[in-house]
PDB file of N, CA and C in Angstrom:
ATOM      1  N   MET A   1      17.840  37.606 -16.958  1.00  0.00           N
ATOM      2  CA  MET A   1      16.479  37.752 -17.633  1.00  0.00           C
ATOM      3  C   MET A   1      16.055  36.714 -18.509  1.00  0.00           C
ATOM      4  N   ILE A   2      17.253  36.246 -19.267  1.00  0.00           N
ATOM      5  CA  ILE A   2      16.802  34.895 -19.938  1.00  0.00           C
ATOM      6  C   ILE A   2      16.310  33.660 -18.675  1.00  0.00           C
ATOM      7  N   TYR A   3      17.128  33.705 -18.022  1.00  0.00           N
ATOM      8  CA  TYR A   3      16.865  32.695 -16.700  1.00  0.00           C
ATOM      9  C   TYR A   3      15.295  32.659 -16.672  1.00  0.00           C
ATOM     10  N   LEU A   4      14.966  33.791 -16.173  1.00  0.00           N
ATOM     11  CA  LEU A   4      13.319  34.089 -15.836  1.00  0.00           C
ATOM     12  C   LEU A   4      12.268  33.715 -17.380  1.00  0.00           C
ATOM     13  N   TYR A   5      12.837  34.158 -18.236  1.00  0.00           N
ATOM     14  CA  TYR A   5      12.067  33.663 -19.585  1.00  0.00           C
ATOM     15  C   TYR A   5      11.925  32.112 -19.423  1.00  0.00           C
ATOM     16  N   GLY A   6      13.417  31.812 -19.193  1.00  0.00           N
ATOM     17  CA  GLY A   6      13.166  30.050 -19.448  1.00  0.00           C
ATOM     18  C   GLY A   6      12.140  29.616 -18.528  1.00  0.00           C
ATOM     19  N   LEU A   7      12.262  30.205 -17.073  1.00  0.00           N
ATOM     20  CA  LEU A   7      11.204  29.827 -15.997  1.00  0.00           C
ATOM     21  C   LEU A   7       9.657  30.020 -16.393  1.00  0.00           C
ATOM     22  N   SER A   8       9.608  31.012 -17.351  1.00  0.00           N
ATOM     23  CA  SER A   8       8.018  31.119 -17.653  1.00  0.00           C
ATOM     24  C   SER A   8       7.724  30.057 -18.728  1.00  0.00           C
ATOM     25  N   LEU A   9       8.805  29.933 -19.496  1.00  0.00           N
ATOM     26  CA  LEU A   9       8.822  28.673 -20.338  1.00  0.00           C
ATOM     27  C   LEU A   9       8.311  27.212 -19.681  1.00  0.00           C
ATOM     28  N   LEU A  10       9.003  27.100 -18.869  1.00  0.00           N
ATOM     29  CA  LEU A  10       8.405  25.773 -18.083  1.00  0.00           C
ATOM     30  C   LEU A  10       7.583  25.955 -17.045  1.00  0.00           C
ATOM     31  N   ARG A  11       6.662  26.768 -16.726  1.00  0.00           N
ATOM     32  CA  ARG A  11       5.393  26.663 -16.091  1.00  0.00           C
ATOM     33  C   ARG A  11       4.109  26.516 -17.067  1.00  0.00           C
ATOM     34  N   ARG A  12       4.379  27.133 -18.106  1.00  0.00           N
ATOM     35  CA  ARG A  12       3.552  26.968 -19.304  1.00  0.00           C
ATOM     36  C   ARG A  12       3.315  25.267 -19.592  1.00  0.00           C
ATOM     37  N   GLU A  13       4.332  24.670 -20.022  1.00  0.00           N
ATOM     38  CA  GLU A  13       4.446  23.244 -20.476  1.00  0.00           C
ATOM     39  C   GLU A  13       5.950  22.596 -20.413  1.00  0.00           C
ATOM     40  N   PRO A  14       5.742  21.702 -19.885  1.00  0.00           N
ATOM     41  CA  PRO A  14       7.386  21.080 -20.065  1.00  0.00           C
ATOM     42  C   PRO A  14       8.010  20.831 -21.760  1.00  0.00           C
ATOM     43  N   MET A  15       9.121  21.303 -21.495  1.00  0.00           N
ATOM     44  CA  MET A  15       9.881  21.289 -22.785  1.00  0.00           C
ATOM     45  C   MET A  15       9.914  19.744 -23.446  1.00  0.00           C
ATOM     46  N   TRP A  16       9.759  18.680 -22.859  1.00  0.00           N
ATOM     47  CA  TRP A  16      10.178  17.367 -23.742  1.00  0.00           C
ATOM     48  C   TRP A  16       8.999  16.319 -22.758  1.00  0.00           C
ATOM     49  N   PHE A  17       8.789  15.721 -23.274  1.00  0.00           N
ATOM     50  CA  PHE A  17       8.126  14.366 -22.754  1.00  0.00           C
ATOM     51  C   PHE A  17       8.596  13.051 -23.026  1.00  0.00           C
ATOM     52  N   ALA A  18       8.604  12.363 -21.957  1.00  0.00           N
ATOM     53  CA  ALA A  18       9.257  11.055 -22.357  1.00  0.00           C
ATOM     54  C   ALA A  18       7.749  10.146 -22.713  1.00  0.00           C
ATOM     55  N   ARG A  19       8.346   9.414 -23.811  1.00  0.00           N
ATOM     56  CA  ARG A  19       7.487   8.320 -24.875  1.00  0.00           C
ATOM     57  C   ARG A  19       7.516   7.083 -24.652  1.00  0.00           C
ATOM     58  N   ARG A  20       6.918   5.975 -24.621  1.00  0.00           N
ATOM     59  CA  ARG A  20       7.432   4.871 -24.896  1.00  0.00           C
ATOM     60  C   ARG A  20       7.419   4.574 -26.003  1.00  0.00           C
ATOM     61  N   THR A  21       8.618   4.199 -26.513  1.00  0.00           N
ATOM     62  CA  THR A  21       8.749   3.278 -27.869  1.00  0.00           C
ATOM     63  C   THR A  21       9.297   1.560 -27.888  1.00  0.00           C
ATOM     64  N   ALA A  22       9.739   1.075 -28.595  1.00  0.00           N
ATOM     65  CA  ALA A  22       9.649  -0.430 -28.953  1.00  0.00           C
ATOM     66  C   ALA A  22      11.116  -0.772 -28.210  1.00  0.00           C
ATOM     67  N   ASP A  23      11.932   0.713 -27.767  1.00  0.00           N
ATOM     68  CA  ASP A  23      13.491   0.524 -27.225  1.00  0.00           C
ATOM     69  C   ASP A  23      13.293   0.830 -25.920  1.00  0.00           C
ATOM     70  N   THR A  24      12.065   1.208 -25.542  1.00  0.00           N
ATOM     71  CA  THR A  24      11.842   1.803 -23.928  1.00  0.00           C
ATOM     72  C   THR A  24      11.913  -0.023 -23.652  1.00  0.00           C
ATOM     73  N   ARG A  25      12.793  -0.023 -21.855  1.00  0.00           N
ATOM     74  CA  ARG A  25      12.680  -0.791 -21.171  1.00  0.00           C
ATOM     75  C   ARG A  25      12.430  -0.236 -19.817  1.00  0.00           C
ATOM     76  N   GLN A  26      11.572  -1.362 -18.964  1.00  0.00           N
ATOM     77  CA  GLN A  26      11.228  -1.056 -17.622  1.00  0.00           C
ATOM     78  C   GLN A  26      12.556  -1.121 -16.676  1.00  0.00           C
ATOM     79  N   ASP A  27      12.253   0.095 -15.841  1.00  0.00           N
ATOM     80  CA  ASP A  27      13.578  -0.024 -14.874  1.00  0.00           C
ATOM     81  C   ASP A  27      12.965  -1.340 -13.863  1.00  0.00           C
ATOM     82  N   VAL A  28      13.882  -2.174 -13.350  1.00  0.00           N
ATOM     83  CA  VAL A  28      13.339  -2.919 -12.414  1.00  0.00           C
ATOM     84  C   VAL A  28      14.454  -2.805 -11.238  1.00  0.00           C
ATOM     85  N   PRO A  29      13.792  -2.380  -9.916  1.00  0.00           N
ATOM     86  CA  PRO A  29      14.623  -2.159  -8.764  1.00  0.00           C
ATOM     87  C   PRO A  29      15.394  -3.602  -8.482  1.00  0.00           C
ATOM     88  N   ALA A  30      16.573  -3.037  -8.070  1.00  0.00           N
ATOM     89  CA  ALA A  30      17.405  -3.809  -7.329  1.00  0.00           C
ATOM     90  C   ALA A  30      17.196  -4.592  -5.808  1.00  0.00           C
ATOM     91  N   ALA A  31      17.219  -5.747  -5.646  1.00  0.00           N
ATOM     92  CA  ALA A  31      16.889  -6.475  -4.336  1.00  0.00           C
ATOM     93  C   ALA A  31      17.766  -5.456  -3.298  1.00  0.00           C
ATOM     94  N   THR A  32      17.034  -4.808  -2.432  1.00  0.00           N
ATOM     95  CA  THR A  32      17.376  -4.459  -1.249  1.00  0.00           C
ATOM     96  C   THR A  32      18.044  -5.410   0.046  1.00  0.00           C
ATOM     97  N   PRO A  33      19.042  -4.842   0.534  1.00  0.00           N
ATOM     98  CA  PRO A  33      19.787  -5.975   1.388  1.00  0.00           C
ATOM     99  C   PRO A  33      18.941  -5.727   2.776  1.00  0.00           C
ATOM    100  N   SER A  34      18.373  -6.805   3.472  1.00  0.00           N
ATOM    101  CA  SER A  34      17.330  -6.716   4.702  1.00  0.00           C
ATOM    102  C   SER A  34      18.335  -6.805   5.900  1.00  0.00           C
ATOM    103  N   ASP A  35      19.595  -6.881   5.911  1.00  0.00           N
ATOM    104  CA  ASP A  35      20.488  -7.232   6.850  1.00  0.00           C
ATOM    105  C   ASP A  35      20.813  -5.905   7.706  1.00  0.00           C
ATOM    106  N   VAL A  36      20.624  -4.843   6.601  1.00  0.00           N
ATOM    107  CA  VAL A  36      20.969  -3.364   6.930  1.00  0.00           C
ATOM    108  C   VAL A  36      20.315  -2.520   7.989  1.00  0.00           C
ATOM    109  N   SER A  37      20.657  -2.275   9.352  1.00  0.00           N
ATOM    110  CA  SER A  37      19.506  -1.905  10.123  1.00  0.00           C
ATOM    111  C   SER A  37      19.365  -0.469   9.833  1.00  0.00           C
ATOM    112  N   LEU A  38      18.546   0.369  10.386  1.00  0.00           N
ATOM    113  CA  LEU A  38      17.858   1.780  10.188  1.00  0.00           C
ATOM    114  C   LEU A  38      19.277   2.817  10.857  1.00  0.00           C
ATOM    115  N   ARG A  39      19.736   2.314  11.920  1.00  0.00           N
ATOM    116  CA  ARG A  39      20.842   2.889  12.257  1.00  0.00           C
ATOM    117  C   ARG A  39      21.811   3.044  11.921  1.00  0.00           C
ATOM    118  N   ARG A  40      22.075   2.023  10.933  1.00  0.00           N
ATOM    119  CA  ARG A  40      23.150   1.756  10.478  1.00  0.00           C
ATOM    120  C   ARG A  40      23.272   2.962   8.700  1.00  0.00           C
ATOM    121  N   LEU A  41      22.185   3.101   8.200  1.00  0.00           N
ATOM    122  CA  LEU A  41      21.543   3.850   7.626  1.00  0.00           C
ATOM    123  C   LEU A  41      21.832   5.156   7.643  1.00  0.00           C
ATOM    124  N   TRP A  42      21.533   5.685   9.103  1.00  0.00           N
ATOM    125  CA  TRP A  42      21.486   7.009   9.292  1.00  0.00           C
ATOM    126  C   TRP A  42      23.328   6.997   9.575  1.00  0.00           C
ATOM    127  N   LEU A  43      23.722   6.505  10.161  1.00  0.00           N
ATOM    128  CA  LEU A  43      25.105   6.717  10.208  1.00  0.00           C
ATOM    129  C   LEU A  43      26.083   6.506   8.938  1.00  0.00           C
ATOM    130  N   ARG A  44      25.720   6.287   7.721  1.00  0.00           N
ATOM    131  CA  ARG A  44      26.328   5.932   6.575  1.00  0.00           C
ATOM    132  C   ARG A  44      25.822   7.892   6.249  1.00  0.00           C
ATOM    133  N   LEU A  45      24.527   8.372   6.172  1.00  0.00           N
ATOM    134  CA  LEU A  45      24.072   9.300   5.802  1.00  0.00           C
ATOM    135  C   LEU A  45      24.758  10.337   6.608  1.00  0.00           C
ATOM    136  N   ALA A  46      24.821  10.559   7.842  1.00  0.00           N
ATOM    137  CA  ALA A  46      25.405  11.275   8.461  1.00  0.00           C
ATOM    138  C   ALA A  46      27.045  11.291   7.796  1.00  0.00           C
ATOM    139  N   ALA A  47      27.560  10.069   7.617  1.00  0.00           N
ATOM    140  CA  ALA A  47      29.142  10.357   7.491  1.00  0.00           C
ATOM    141  C   ALA A  47      29.048  11.061   6.195  1.00  0.00           C
ATOM    142  N   LEU A  48      28.435  10.702   5.387  1.00  0.00           N
ATOM    143  CA  LEU A  48      28.080  11.111   3.673  1.00  0.00           C
ATOM    144  C   LEU A  48      28.237  12.715   3.637  1.00  0.00           C
ATOM    145  N   ALA A  49      27.355  13.495   4.852  1.00  0.00           N
ATOM    146  CA  ALA A  49      26.865  14.340   4.637  1.00  0.00           C
ATOM    147  C   ALA A  49      28.346  14.973   5.124  1.00  0.00           C
ATOM    148  N   ALA A  50      28.428  14.663   6.515  1.00  0.00           N
ATOM    149  CA  ALA A  50      30.049  15.510   6.619  1.00  0.00           C
ATOM    150  C   ALA A  50      31.147  15.225   5.405  1.00  0.00           C
ATOM    151  N   VAL A  51      31.166  14.251   4.716  1.00  0.00           N
ATOM    152  CA  VAL A  51      32.267  14.337   3.536  1.00  0.00           C
ATOM    153  C   VAL A  51      31.420  15.397   2.421  1.00  0.00           C
ATOM    154  N   VAL A  52      30.125  15.654   2.387  1.00  0.00           N
ATOM    155  CA  VAL A  52      29.722  16.408   1.375  1.00  0.00           C
ATOM    156  C   VAL A  52      30.182  18.156   1.659  1.00  0.00           C
ATOM    157  N   ALA A  53      29.365  18.134   3.306  1.00  0.00           N
ATOM    158  CA  ALA A  53      30.490  19.626   3.697  1.00  0.00           C
ATOM    159  C   ALA A  53      31.706  19.979   3.787  1.00  0.00           C
ATOM    160  N   ALA A  54      32.817  18.596   4.080  1.00  0.00           N
ATOM    161  CA  ALA A  54      34.144  18.845   3.905  1.00  0.00           C
ATOM    162  C   ALA A  54      34.524  19.336   2.463  1.00  0.00           C
ATOM    163  N   THR A  55      34.050  18.631   1.420  1.00  0.00           N
ATOM    164  CA  THR A  55      34.132  18.752   0.083  1.00  0.00           C
ATOM    165  C   THR A  55      34.075  20.318   0.016  1.00  0.00           C
ATOM    166  N   GLY A  56      32.831  20.492   0.174  1.00  0.00           N
ATOM    167  CA  GLY A  56      32.289  21.933   0.262  1.00  0.00           C
ATOM    168  C   GLY A  56      33.026  22.782   0.443  1.00  0.00           C
ATOM    169  N   TYR A  57      33.480  23.011   1.591  1.00  0.00           N
ATOM    170  CA  TYR A  57      34.595  24.032   2.261  1.00  0.00           C
ATOM    171  C   TYR A  57      35.659  23.700   1.585  1.00  0.00           C
ATOM    172  N   LEU A  58      36.388  23.084   1.121  1.00  0.00           N
ATOM    173  CA  LEU A  58      37.568  22.848   0.785  1.00  0.00           C
ATOM    174  C   LEU A  58      37.349  23.014  -0.690  1.00  0.00           C
ATOM    175  N   ILE A  59      36.421  23.150  -1.475  1.00  0.00           N
ATOM    176  CA  ILE A  59      36.492  24.051  -3.045  1.00  0.00           C
ATOM    177  C   ILE A  59      36.019  25.080  -2.656  1.00  0.00           C
ATOM    178  N   GLY A  60      35.402  25.794  -1.773  1.00  0.00           N
ATOM    179  CA  GLY A  60      35.518  26.899  -1.638  1.00  0.00           C
ATOM    180  C   GLY A  60      36.732  27.775  -0.948  1.00  0.00           C
ATOM    181  N   GLN A  61      37.729  26.961  -0.093  1.00  0.00           N
ATOM    182  CA  GLN A  61      38.976  27.341  -0.261  1.00  0.00           C
ATOM    183  C   GLN A  61      39.789  27.498  -1.154  1.00  0.00           C
ATOM    184  N   GLY A  62      39.552  26.361  -1.961  1.00  0.00           N
ATOM    185  CA  GLY A  62      40.424  26.333  -3.364  1.00  0.00           C
ATOM    186  C   GLY A  62      40.282  27.405  -4.282  1.00  0.00           C
ATOM    187  N   GLY A  63      38.837  27.851  -4.532  1.00  0.00           N
ATOM    188  CA  GLY A  63      38.629  28.806  -5.242  1.00  0.00           C
ATOM    189  C   GLY A  63      38.970  30.373  -4.831  1.00  0.00           C
ATOM    190  N   LEU A  64      39.050  30.618  -3.514  1.00  0.00           N
ATOM    191  CA  LEU A  64      39.873  31.770  -2.711  1.00  0.00           C
ATOM    192  C   LEU A  64      41.180  31.997  -2.988  1.00  0.00           C
ATOM    193  N   GLY A  65      41.980  30.475  -3.136  1.00  0.00           N
ATOM    194  CA  GLY A  65      43.448  30.480  -3.298  1.00  0.00           C
ATOM    195  C   GLY A  65      43.483  30.842  -4.911  1.00  0.00           C
ATOM    196  N   VAL A  66      42.734  30.444  -5.802  1.00  0.00           N
ATOM    197  CA  VAL A  66      42.721  30.873  -7.253  1.00  0.00           C
ATOM    198  C   VAL A  66      42.678  32.042  -7.234  1.00  0.00           C
ATOM    199  N   VAL A  67      42.064  32.677  -6.392  1.00  0.00           N
ATOM    200  CA  VAL A  67      41.588  34.112  -6.680  1.00  0.00           C
ATOM    201  C   VAL A  67      43.135  34.859  -5.994  1.00  0.00           C
ATOM    202  N   ALA A  68      43.205  34.385  -4.853  1.00  0.00           N
ATOM    203  CA  ALA A  68      44.415  35.256  -4.651  1.00  0.00           C
ATOM    204  C   ALA A  68      45.483  34.919  -5.171  1.00  0.00           C
ATOM    205  N   ALA A  69      45.850  33.848  -5.943  1.00  0.00           N
ATOM    206  CA  ALA A  69      47.067  33.437  -7.071  1.00  0.00           C
ATOM    207  C   ALA A  69      46.899  34.328  -7.848  1.00  0.00           C
ATOM    208  N   SER A  70      46.051  34.207  -8.773  1.00  0.00           N
ATOM    209  CA  SER A  70      45.951  34.655 -10.245  1.00  0.00           C
ATOM    210  C   SER A  70      45.427  36.309 -10.412  1.00  0.00           C
ATOM    211  N   GLY A  71      45.055  36.616  -9.271  1.00  0.00           N
ATOM    212  CA  GLY A  71      44.121  37.897  -9.294  1.00  0.00           C
ATOM    213  C   GLY A  71      43.057  38.036 -10.336  1.00  0.00           C
ATOM    214  N   LEU A  72      42.694  36.820 -10.452  1.00  0.00           N
ATOM    215  CA  LEU A  72      40.971  36.914 -11.218  1.00  0.00           C
ATOM    216  C   LEU A  72      40.050  37.507 -10.140  1.00  0.00           C
ATOM    217  N   PRO A  73      39.090  38.211 -10.875  1.00  0.00           N
ATOM    218  CA  PRO A  73      37.749  38.277 -10.279  1.00  0.00           C
ATOM    219  C   PRO A  73      37.179  37.289  -9.336  1.00  0.00           C
ATOM    220  N   SER A  74      36.891  37.406  -8.052  1.00  0.00           N
ATOM    221  CA  SER A  74      36.327  36.264  -7.342  1.00  0.00           C
ATOM    222  C   SER A  74      34.933  35.760  -7.892  1.00  0.00           C
ATOM    223  N   GLY A  75      34.098  36.680  -8.664  1.00  0.00           N
ATOM    224  CA  GLY A  75      32.603  36.366  -9.076  1.00  0.00           C
ATOM    225  C   GLY A  75      33.046  35.529 -10.384  1.00  0.00           C
ATOM    226  N   PHE A  76      33.726  35.911 -11.028  1.00  0.00           N
ATOM    227  CA  PHE A  76      34.363  34.829 -12.457  1.00  0.00           C
ATOM    228  C   PHE A  76      34.882  33.550 -11.928  1.00  0.00           C
ATOM    229  N   VAL A  77      35.835  33.758 -10.981  1.00  0.00           N
ATOM    230  CA  VAL A  77      36.500  32.167 -10.737  1.00  0.00           C
ATOM    231  C   VAL A  77      35.112  31.312 -10.073  1.00  0.00           C
ATOM    232  N   GLY A  78      34.293  32.012  -9.062  1.00  0.00           N
ATOM    233  CA  GLY A  78      33.111  31.374  -8.507  1.00  0.00           C
ATOM    234  C   GLY A  78      32.166  30.614  -9.463  1.00  0.00           C
ATOM    235  N   PHE A  79      32.053  31.439 -10.402  1.00  0.00           N
ATOM    236  CA  PHE A  79      31.118  31.055 -11.468  1.00  0.00           C
ATOM    237  C   PHE A  79      31.721  30.394 -12.697  1.00  0.00           C
ATOM    238  N   THR A  80      32.747  30.449 -12.822  1.00  0.00           N
ATOM    239  CA  THR A  80      33.664  28.856 -13.457  1.00  0.00           C
ATOM    240  C   THR A  80      33.748  27.913 -13.231  1.00  0.00           C
ATOM    241  N   LEU A  81      35.087  28.205 -12.166  1.00  0.00           N
ATOM    242  CA  LEU A  81      35.731  27.406 -11.657  1.00  0.00           C
ATOM    243  C   LEU A  81      34.868  26.436 -10.773  1.00  0.00           C
ATOM    244  N   THR A  82      34.182  27.298  -9.661  1.00  0.00           N
ATOM    245  CA  THR A  82      33.333  26.304  -8.685  1.00  0.00           C
ATOM    246  C   THR A  82      32.484  25.514  -9.489  1.00  0.00           C
ATOM    247  N   THR A  83      31.755  26.320 -10.517  1.00  0.00           N
ATOM    248  CA  THR A  83      30.480  25.732 -11.080  1.00  0.00           C
ATOM    249  C   THR A  83      31.094  24.134 -11.784  1.00  0.00           C
ATOM    250  N   ALA A  84      31.931  24.657 -12.014  1.00  0.00           N
ATOM    251  CA  ALA A  84      32.449  23.258 -13.189  1.00  0.00           C
ATOM    252  C   ALA A  84      33.077  22.257 -12.073  1.00  0.00           C
ATOM    253  N   ILE A  85      33.266  22.372 -11.188  1.00  0.00           N
ATOM    254  CA  ILE A  85      33.808  21.357 -10.018  1.00  0.00           C
ATOM    255  C   ILE A  85      32.319  20.745  -9.273  1.00  0.00           C
ATOM    256  N   THR A  86      31.561  21.251  -9.277  1.00  0.00           N
ATOM    257  CA  THR A  86      30.290  21.160  -8.311  1.00  0.00           C
ATOM    258  C   THR A  86      29.410  20.447  -9.442  1.00  0.00           C
ATOM    259  N   SER A  87      29.743  20.345 -10.759  1.00  0.00           N
ATOM    260  CA  SER A  87      29.281  20.097 -11.778  1.00  0.00           C
ATOM    261  C   SER A  87      29.579  18.329 -12.518  1.00  0.00           C
ATOM    262  N   LEU A  88      30.808  18.282 -11.751  1.00  0.00           N
ATOM    263  CA  LEU A  88      31.632  17.034 -12.113  1.00  0.00           C
ATOM    264  C   LEU A  88      30.501  15.677 -11.802  1.00  0.00           C
ATOM    265  N   PRO A  89      30.022  15.825 -10.359  1.00  0.00           N
ATOM    266  CA  PRO A  89      28.878  14.476  -9.794  1.00  0.00           C
ATOM    267  C   PRO A  89      28.022  14.129 -11.102  1.00  0.00           C
ATOM    268  N   GLU A  90      27.395  15.247 -11.271  1.00  0.00           N
ATOM    269  CA  GLU A  90      26.259  15.130 -12.323  1.00  0.00           C
ATOM    270  C   GLU A  90      26.894  14.262 -14.139  1.00  0.00           C
ATOM    271  N   LEU A  91      27.817  14.901 -13.896  1.00  0.00           N
ATOM    272  CA  LEU A  91      28.763  14.528 -15.523  1.00  0.00           C
ATOM    273  C   LEU A  91      29.022  12.679 -15.375  1.00  0.00           C
ATOM    274  N   ILE A  92      29.379  12.611 -13.901  1.00  0.00           N
ATOM    275  CA  ILE A  92      30.181  11.245 -13.515  1.00  0.00           C
ATOM    276  C   ILE A  92      29.021  10.658 -13.904  1.00  0.00           C
ATOM    277  N   ALA A  93      27.853  10.549 -13.248  1.00  0.00           N
ATOM    278  CA  ALA A  93      26.945   9.884 -13.016  1.00  0.00           C
ATOM    279  C   ALA A  93      26.097   9.850 -14.439  1.00  0.00           C
ATOM    280  N   LEU A  94      26.067  10.811 -15.427  1.00  0.00           N
ATOM    281  CA  LEU A  94      25.444  10.793 -16.647  1.00  0.00           C
ATOM    282  C   LEU A  94      26.498   9.619 -17.378  1.00  0.00           C
ATOM    283  N   ILE A  95      27.847   9.718 -17.497  1.00  0.00           N
ATOM    284  CA  ILE A  95      28.861   8.725 -18.041  1.00  0.00           C
ATOM    285  C   ILE A  95      28.511   7.144 -17.696  1.00  0.00           C
ATOM    286  N   ALA A  96      28.107   7.194 -16.700  1.00  0.00           N
ATOM    287  CA  ALA A  96      28.070   5.758 -15.970  1.00  0.00           C
ATOM    288  C   ALA A  96      26.858   5.345 -16.483  1.00  0.00           C
ATOM    289  N   ALA A  97      25.552   6.095 -16.223  1.00  0.00           N
ATOM    290  CA  ALA A  97      24.460   5.608 -17.180  1.00  0.00           C
ATOM    291  C   ALA A  97      24.456   5.312 -18.277  1.00  0.00           C
ATOM    292  N   ILE A  98      25.194   6.092 -19.110  1.00  0.00           N
ATOM    293  CA  ILE A  98      25.133   5.590 -20.344  1.00  0.00           C
ATOM    294  C   ILE A  98      26.229   4.235 -20.601  1.00  0.00           C
ATOM    295  N   ARG A  99      26.912   4.257 -19.741  1.00  0.00           N
ATOM    296  CA  ARG A  99      27.792   2.806 -19.922  1.00  0.00           C
ATOM    297  C   ARG A  99      27.393   1.350 -19.597  1.00  0.00           C
ATOM    298  N   ILE A 100      26.272   1.618 -18.625  1.00  0.00           N
ATOM    299  CA  ILE A 100      25.457   0.736 -18.258  1.00  0.00           C
ATOM    300  C   ILE A 100      24.114   0.658 -19.150  1.00  0.00           C
ATOM    301  N   GLY A 101      23.946   1.489 -19.823  1.00  0.00           N
ATOM    302  CA  GLY A 101      22.664   1.666 -20.635  1.00  0.00           C
ATOM    303  C   GLY A 101      21.543   1.826 -20.309  1.00  0.00           C
ATOM    304  N   ALA A 102      21.720   2.495 -19.246  1.00  0.00           N
ATOM    305  CA  ALA A 102      20.601   3.200 -18.215  1.00  0.00           C
ATOM    306  C   ALA A 102      20.281   4.636 -18.846  1.00  0.00           C
ATOM    307  N   LEU A 103      19.947   4.709 -20.012  1.00  0.00           N
ATOM    308  CA  LEU A 103      19.790   6.036 -20.966  1.00  0.00           C
ATOM    309  C   LEU A 103      18.570   7.059 -20.172  1.00  0.00           C
ATOM    310  N   THR A 104      17.679   6.308 -19.380  1.00  0.00           N
ATOM    311  CA  THR A 104      16.287   6.857 -18.463  1.00  0.00           C
ATOM    312  C   THR A 104      17.016   7.895 -17.553  1.00  0.00           C
ATOM    313  N   LEU A 105      18.173   6.895 -16.689  1.00  0.00           N
ATOM    314  CA  LEU A 105      18.622   7.661 -15.743  1.00  0.00           C
ATOM    315  C   LEU A 105      19.767   8.809 -15.914  1.00  0.00           C
ATOM    316  N   GLY A 106      20.298   8.450 -17.122  1.00  0.00           N
ATOM    317  CA  GLY A 106      21.369   9.718 -17.810  1.00  0.00           C
ATOM    318  C   GLY A 106      20.422  10.850 -17.744  1.00  0.00           C
ATOM    319  N   ILE A 107      19.204  10.957 -18.449  1.00  0.00           N
ATOM    320  CA  ILE A 107      18.373  11.845 -18.906  1.00  0.00           C
ATOM    321  C   ILE A 107      17.929  12.312 -17.580  1.00  0.00           C
ATOM    322  N   GLY A 108      17.312  11.682 -16.913  1.00  0.00           N
ATOM    323  CA  GLY A 108      16.572  11.791 -15.658  1.00  0.00           C
ATOM    324  C   GLY A 108      17.934  12.720 -14.404  1.00  0.00           C
ATOM    325  N   ASN A 109      19.070  12.556 -14.597  1.00  0.00           N
ATOM    326  CA  ASN A 109      19.892  13.309 -14.015  1.00  0.00           C
ATOM    327  C   ASN A 109      19.760  14.600 -14.473  1.00  0.00           C
ATOM    328  N   ILE A 110      20.046  15.139 -15.680  1.00  0.00           N
ATOM    329  CA  ILE A 110      19.910  16.173 -16.467  1.00  0.00           C
ATOM    330  C   ILE A 110      18.650  16.788 -16.163  1.00  0.00           C
ATOM    331  N   LEU A 111      17.807  16.369 -16.758  1.00  0.00           N
ATOM    332  CA  LEU A 111      16.432  16.938 -16.886  1.00  0.00           C
ATOM    333  C   LEU A 111      15.574  16.824 -15.744  1.00  0.00           C
ATOM    334  N   PRO A 112      14.315  17.472 -15.308  1.00  0.00           N
ATOM    335  CA  PRO A 112      13.527  17.346 -14.514  1.00  0.00           C
ATOM    336  C   PRO A 112      12.840  16.298 -14.836  1.00  0.00           C
ATOM    337  N   ARG A 113      12.273  15.216 -14.166  1.00  0.00           N
ATOM    338  CA  ARG A 113      11.691  13.877 -14.613  1.00  0.00           C
ATOM    339  C   ARG A 113       9.522  14.082 -14.904  1.00  0.00           C
ATOM    340  N   ARG A 114       9.275  13.462 -15.479  1.00  0.00           N
ATOM    341  CA  ARG A 114       8.220  13.743 -15.843  1.00  0.00           C
ATOM    342  C   ARG A 114       7.621  12.000 -16.230  1.00  0.00           C
ATOM    343  N   SER A 115       6.375  11.810 -15.497  1.00  0.00           N
ATOM    344  CA  SER A 115       6.346  10.104 -15.730  1.00  0.00           C
ATOM    345  C   SER A 115       5.785  10.084 -17.475  1.00  0.00           C
ATOM    346  N   LEU A 116       6.099   8.716 -17.616  1.00  0.00           N
ATOM    347  CA  LEU A 116       5.816   8.230 -18.957  1.00  0.00           C
ATOM    348  C   LEU A 116       4.132   8.161 -19.344  1.00  0.00           C
ATOM    349  N   ALA A 117       3.829   8.903 -20.638  1.00  0.00           N
ATOM    350  CA  ALA A 117       2.517   8.819 -20.891  1.00  0.00           C
ATOM    351  C   ALA A 117       2.216   7.395 -21.784  1.00  0.00           C
TER     352      ALA A 117
END
């Protein structure tokens, strides 16, 4: 119920707006290597998709193992353990963004993006 209320708030007006300040830095895209072929990019994408699928399967099996070994309810394990594990990439991206000073990247990783006014 609280989730639905939160969604209704977002439909009315976003909860935050990005504003330009004296500390705002313009993101400059890195130079893209021209020697990478489209075929090679598709192969990389397929390989990474396979890694994500295998990792998801292993996380699910690990959660079932925790349920079997501990006797905890599967809903509890799925909600807490699996959610925590699958949130680690966002946490790592946030920490990396803060370390390199890309605060917009860190915020954009967590919150939906809205263009600067």
